[in-house]
Amino acid sequence: MLVLLPPSEGKAPGGRGRPLDLDALSHPSLNEVRDRVLDALHAAAVGDPAGLQAALGCPDGEVEKDAVLRTSRTLPALERYTGVVYEALSYATLSPAGRRRANGSLRVASALFGLLSPTDRIPAYRLSGGTSLPGFGSLAAAWRPVVEPEVAAHRGIVVDLRSGPYAHLARLPGAVQVRVLRETAGVRSVVSHDNKHTKGLLARELCERGARTVADVAEAGSAVADLVEVDGRSVDLVLYGLATARGRTA
């Protein structure tokens, strides 16, 4: 099982221990592209911080993180990423078996690093999936040739919980696609918080249970949604009314 998560814009500050070491990250086949994206992001942060801030649409002070990517302290990825998905996942409170499965199965789809395992140590940074870096070109054009075959080489089921900008960085037609829909008065819609929260809960269930088939994913989904609908390799998790997602609260 491989479960792909979106990163979060919010990241825990600070760090400890050694600075970034690409050779210590999982998926070493991505290191050449990682190195190029790091250089481009650092150059933009140092050479045109105002332009990078405008491109990222981020608050003052955020691009300063990108100016010290190679030297700032690091945290494991599942400590660095914060936000709704990661609060619902609550990696730190998984059972021992769930934590072991998470370390082997969870991957964060990052615009800067391509794929990250929970224990990969990374600095704080700011880079969104849809950003165009000066002098670099499309992030998708850089990441697709290396991330797509890396995921395709995985022999088990792949569950895609990425959001749109990060799904664009690698096309995974064989993955199980999960949608979260809120149904109110017979009308279904996508609500950002529901989507993130429920996907975090689903990721947690998958870590605790494991999954080998689409049916296994649907069964895990039944613990966090009011209704699960399966169509081929697509799984819809439906939440009724205005209540929060079922299962563990964030």
Protein backbone atom coordinates (compact mmCIF):
# COMPACT_ATOMS: atom_id res chain seq x y z
CA MET A 1 0.00 0.00 0.00
CA LEU A 2 1.12 3.52 -0.85
CA VAL A 3 -0.94 6.50 0.34
CA LEU A 4 -0.15 9.87 -1.23
CA LEU A 5 -0.91 12.96 0.84
CA PRO A 6 -0.84 16.63 -0.13
CA PRO A 7 1.63 18.81 1.77
CA SER A 8 0.36 21.70 3.87
CA GLU A 9 1.02 25.40 3.38
CA GLY A 10 1.39 25.62 7.15
CA LYS A 11 4.59 24.14 8.54
CA ALA A 12 5.98 23.87 12.04
CA PRO A 13 8.77 26.41 12.58
CA GLY A 14 12.31 25.73 13.70
CA GLY A 15 14.04 22.40 13.78
CA ARG A 16 16.81 20.43 15.39
CA GLY A 17 19.80 18.41 14.39
CA ARG A 18 21.55 18.54 11.07
CA PRO A 19 20.60 20.64 8.02
CA LEU A 20 19.07 19.16 4.89
CA ASP A 21 20.90 16.14 3.45
CA LEU A 22 19.41 14.99 0.16
CA ASP A 23 21.30 11.72 0.33
CA ALA A 24 19.49 10.86 3.56
CA LEU A 25 16.01 11.23 2.02
CA SER A 26 13.93 8.33 0.74
CA HIS A 27 13.48 7.93 -3.03
CA PRO A 28 17.08 8.88 -4.01
CA SER A 29 16.17 8.68 -7.70
CA LEU A 30 14.48 12.08 -7.21
CA ASN A 31 17.63 13.81 -5.92
CA GLU A 32 18.74 15.35 -9.21
CA VAL A 33 15.41 17.16 -9.61
CA ARG A 34 15.28 17.97 -5.90
CA ASP A 35 18.67 19.66 -6.22
CA ARG A 36 17.56 21.74 -9.20
CA VAL A 37 14.30 22.86 -7.59
CA LEU A 38 16.13 23.74 -4.37
CA ASP A 39 18.63 25.86 -6.30
CA ALA A 40 15.88 27.64 -8.25
CA LEU A 41 13.82 28.36 -5.15
CA HIS A 42 16.85 29.58 -3.19
CA ALA A 43 17.93 31.83 -6.07
CA ALA A 44 14.47 33.38 -6.30
CA ALA A 45 14.31 33.92 -2.52
CA VAL A 46 17.70 35.65 -2.48
CA GLY A 47 17.54 37.49 -5.80
CA ASP A 48 13.91 38.62 -5.93
CA PRO A 49 12.14 37.98 -2.64
CA ALA A 50 9.30 40.37 -3.47
CA GLY A 51 8.67 38.61 -6.76
CA LEU A 52 8.73 35.20 -5.12
CA GLN A 53 6.35 36.38 -2.41
CA ALA A 54 3.95 37.62 -5.08
CA ALA A 55 4.21 34.34 -6.99
CA LEU A 56 3.52 32.32 -3.85
CA GLY A 57 0.83 34.67 -2.52
CA CYS A 58 2.24 34.22 0.97
CA PRO A 59 2.55 36.54 3.98
CA ASP A 60 5.61 38.64 4.77
CA GLY A 61 8.52 36.65 6.12
CA GLU A 62 7.63 33.33 4.50
CA VAL A 63 10.14 33.55 1.63
CA GLU A 64 12.93 34.10 4.14
CA LYS A 65 12.69 30.37 4.83
CA ASP A 66 13.55 29.66 1.19
CA ALA A 67 16.72 31.75 1.42
CA VAL A 68 18.23 29.37 4.02
CA LEU A 69 17.01 26.00 2.73
CA ARG A 70 20.43 24.37 2.75
CA THR A 71 21.50 25.54 6.20
CA SER A 72 18.40 25.71 8.42
CA ARG A 73 17.57 22.98 10.91
CA THR A 74 15.25 20.14 9.96
CA LEU A 75 12.31 18.14 11.29
CA PRO A 76 10.82 14.82 10.15
CA ALA A 77 8.24 15.51 7.45
CA LEU A 78 5.28 14.38 9.58
CA GLU A 79 6.37 16.83 12.29
CA ARG A 80 7.02 19.64 9.80
CA TYR A 81 3.66 19.56 8.01
CA THR A 82 0.71 20.95 9.95
CA GLY A 83 -2.84 21.82 8.97
CA VAL A 84 -6.15 20.01 8.73
CA VAL A 85 -4.99 16.80 7.01
CA TYR A 86 -2.14 16.26 9.44
CA GLU A 87 -4.15 17.13 12.53
CA ALA A 88 -6.76 14.54 11.53
CA LEU A 89 -4.10 11.96 10.70
CA SER A 90 -2.46 12.53 14.13
CA TYR A 91 0.63 10.50 13.25
CA ALA A 92 2.02 10.80 16.78
CA THR A 93 -0.98 8.95 18.27
CA LEU A 94 -1.02 5.99 15.86
CA SER A 95 -0.64 2.56 17.39
CA PRO A 96 2.85 1.02 17.11
CA ALA A 97 1.65 -1.12 14.20
CA GLY A 98 -0.05 1.89 12.61
CA ARG A 99 3.14 3.93 12.94
CA ARG A 100 5.19 1.21 11.27
CA ARG A 101 2.68 0.97 8.45
CA ALA A 102 2.62 4.77 8.12
CA ASN A 103 6.40 4.93 7.80
CA GLY A 104 6.33 2.39 5.01
CA SER A 105 3.18 3.55 3.24
CA LEU A 106 2.57 7.28 3.65
CA ARG A 107 4.19 9.65 1.17
CA VAL A 108 3.83 13.42 1.02
CA ALA A 109 3.66 14.73 -2.55
CA SER A 110 5.86 17.82 -2.27
CA ALA A 111 6.51 20.51 -4.88
CA LEU A 112 10.05 20.86 -3.51
CA PHE A 113 11.01 17.25 -2.78
CA GLY A 114 8.72 15.15 -5.01
CA LEU A 115 7.95 12.42 -2.49
CA LEU A 116 8.73 12.31 1.22
CA SER A 117 8.35 9.56 3.77
CA PRO A 118 7.21 10.47 7.32
CA THR A 119 10.73 10.33 8.76
CA ASP A 120 12.53 12.28 6.02
CA ARG A 121 14.09 15.36 7.63
CA ILE A 122 13.32 18.65 5.84
CA PRO A 123 13.63 22.38 6.56
CA ALA A 124 10.73 24.81 6.76
CA TYR A 125 10.00 26.17 3.28
CA ARG A 126 7.32 27.74 1.13
CA LEU A 127 6.55 26.42 -2.36
CA SER A 128 3.16 25.55 -3.82
CA GLY A 129 2.44 23.00 -6.52
CA GLY A 130 1.19 25.60 -8.98
CA THR A 131 4.13 28.00 -8.61
CA SER A 132 6.30 28.94 -11.60
CA LEU A 133 9.86 29.58 -10.48
CA PRO A 134 11.89 32.16 -12.47
CA GLY A 135 14.30 30.51 -14.86
CA PHE A 136 13.06 27.03 -14.03
CA GLY A 137 9.83 26.49 -15.90
CA SER A 138 7.07 24.10 -15.04
CA LEU A 139 7.38 22.05 -11.87
CA ALA A 140 5.20 19.40 -13.48
CA ALA A 141 7.60 19.09 -16.43
CA ALA A 142 10.44 18.45 -13.97
CA TRP A 143 8.66 16.08 -11.60
CA ARG A 144 6.55 13.90 -13.90
CA PRO A 145 9.46 12.05 -15.57
CA VAL A 146 10.84 10.94 -12.19
CA VAL A 147 7.87 10.72 -9.81
CA GLU A 148 5.54 8.83 -12.15
CA PRO A 149 7.89 5.84 -12.68
CA GLU A 150 8.85 5.90 -8.98
CA VAL A 151 5.21 5.41 -7.97
CA ALA A 152 4.53 3.00 -10.84
CA ALA A 153 7.29 0.73 -9.52
CA HIS A 154 5.29 0.17 -6.33
CA ARG A 155 3.65 -3.25 -6.52
CA GLY A 156 0.78 -2.69 -4.10
CA ILE A 157 -2.29 -0.50 -4.22
CA VAL A 158 -1.77 3.27 -4.50
CA VAL A 159 -4.34 5.54 -2.82
CA ASP A 160 -4.26 9.11 -4.12
CA LEU A 161 -5.34 11.71 -1.57
CA ARG A 162 -3.50 14.62 -3.21
CA SER A 163 -5.14 17.96 -3.94
CA GLY A 164 -5.33 19.35 -7.49
CA PRO A 165 -2.04 21.30 -7.80
CA TYR A 166 -0.05 18.34 -6.47
CA ALA A 167 -1.92 15.74 -8.51
CA HIS A 168 -0.85 17.81 -11.54
CA LEU A 169 2.82 17.19 -10.69
CA ALA A 170 2.49 13.45 -11.40
CA ARG A 171 -0.23 11.60 -13.32
CA LEU A 172 -1.17 8.30 -11.69
CA PRO A 173 -3.93 6.67 -13.76
CA GLY A 174 -3.73 3.37 -11.90
CA ALA A 175 -4.20 4.87 -8.43
CA VAL A 176 -7.39 4.74 -6.38
CA GLN A 177 -8.85 8.23 -6.54
CA VAL A 178 -10.71 9.45 -3.46
CA ARG A 179 -13.22 12.30 -3.38
CA VAL A 180 -14.97 13.75 -0.34
CA LEU A 181 -18.43 15.23 -0.91
CA ARG A 182 -20.81 17.01 1.44
CA GLU A 183 -24.50 16.30 0.73
CA THR A 184 -27.01 18.82 2.05
CA ALA A 185 -30.67 18.82 0.98
CA GLY A 186 -29.84 16.39 -1.82
CA VAL A 187 -27.08 18.57 -3.28
CA ARG A 188 -23.47 17.39 -3.24
CA SER A 189 -20.47 19.71 -3.15
CA VAL A 190 -16.79 19.75 -2.28
CA VAL A 191 -15.99 21.66 0.91
CA SER A 192 -12.31 22.36 1.54
CA HIS A 193 -12.23 21.67 5.28
CA ASP A 194 -14.38 18.52 4.96
CA ASN A 195 -12.15 17.28 2.16
CA LYS A 196 -8.90 17.75 4.09
CA HIS A 197 -10.22 16.55 7.43
CA THR A 198 -11.84 13.41 6.04
CA LYS A 199 -8.79 12.50 3.95
CA GLY A 200 -6.64 12.84 7.06
CA LEU A 201 -9.00 10.50 8.93
CA LEU A 202 -8.97 8.06 6.02
CA ALA A 203 -5.17 8.07 5.93
CA ARG A 204 -5.18 7.25 9.64
CA GLU A 205 -7.62 4.35 9.13
CA LEU A 206 -5.49 3.00 6.29
CA CYS A 207 -2.39 3.11 8.49
CA GLU A 208 -4.16 1.22 11.25
CA ARG A 209 -5.89 -1.32 8.98
CA GLY A 210 -3.76 -1.60 5.85
CA ALA A 211 -5.29 -2.03 2.39
CA ARG A 212 -4.66 -4.30 -0.58
CA THR A 213 -7.76 -3.67 -2.68
CA VAL A 214 -10.25 -0.94 -3.56
CA ALA A 215 -12.73 -2.75 -1.32
CA ASP A 216 -10.30 -2.36 1.58
CA VAL A 217 -10.09 1.38 0.93
CA ALA A 218 -13.89 1.60 0.83
CA GLU A 219 -14.14 -0.30 4.11
CA ALA A 220 -11.72 2.12 5.75
CA GLY A 221 -13.76 4.97 4.29
CA SER A 222 -16.92 3.65 5.92
CA ALA A 223 -15.37 4.49 9.30
CA VAL A 224 -15.06 8.19 8.43
CA ALA A 225 -17.98 8.88 6.06
CA ASP A 226 -21.74 8.41 6.09
CA LEU A 227 -21.80 6.76 2.67
CA VAL A 228 -19.14 5.21 0.45
CA GLU A 229 -19.66 4.84 -3.30
CA VAL A 230 -17.23 2.88 -5.48
CA ASP A 231 -16.94 3.12 -9.26
CA GLY A 232 -13.99 1.15 -10.59
CA ARG A 233 -10.94 2.70 -8.97
CA SER A 234 -12.82 5.80 -7.76
CA VAL A 235 -14.06 6.01 -4.18
CA ASP A 236 -16.47 8.75 -3.08
CA LEU A 237 -16.84 9.49 0.62
CA VAL A 238 -20.14 11.24 1.26
CA LEU A 239 -20.91 13.26 4.38
CA TYR A 240 -24.52 14.14 5.14
CA GLY A 241 -25.87 17.44 6.45
CA LEU A 242 -23.74 20.02 8.23
CA ALA A 243 -22.08 17.80 10.84
CA THR A 244 -18.31 17.32 10.86
CA ALA A 245 -16.76 14.19 9.43
CA ARG A 246 -17.31 10.97 11.33
CA GLY A 247 -14.58 9.19 13.20
CA ARG A 248 -11.77 10.77 15.17
CA THR A 249 -12.01 14.57 15.40
CA ALA A 250 -9.03 16.77 14.65
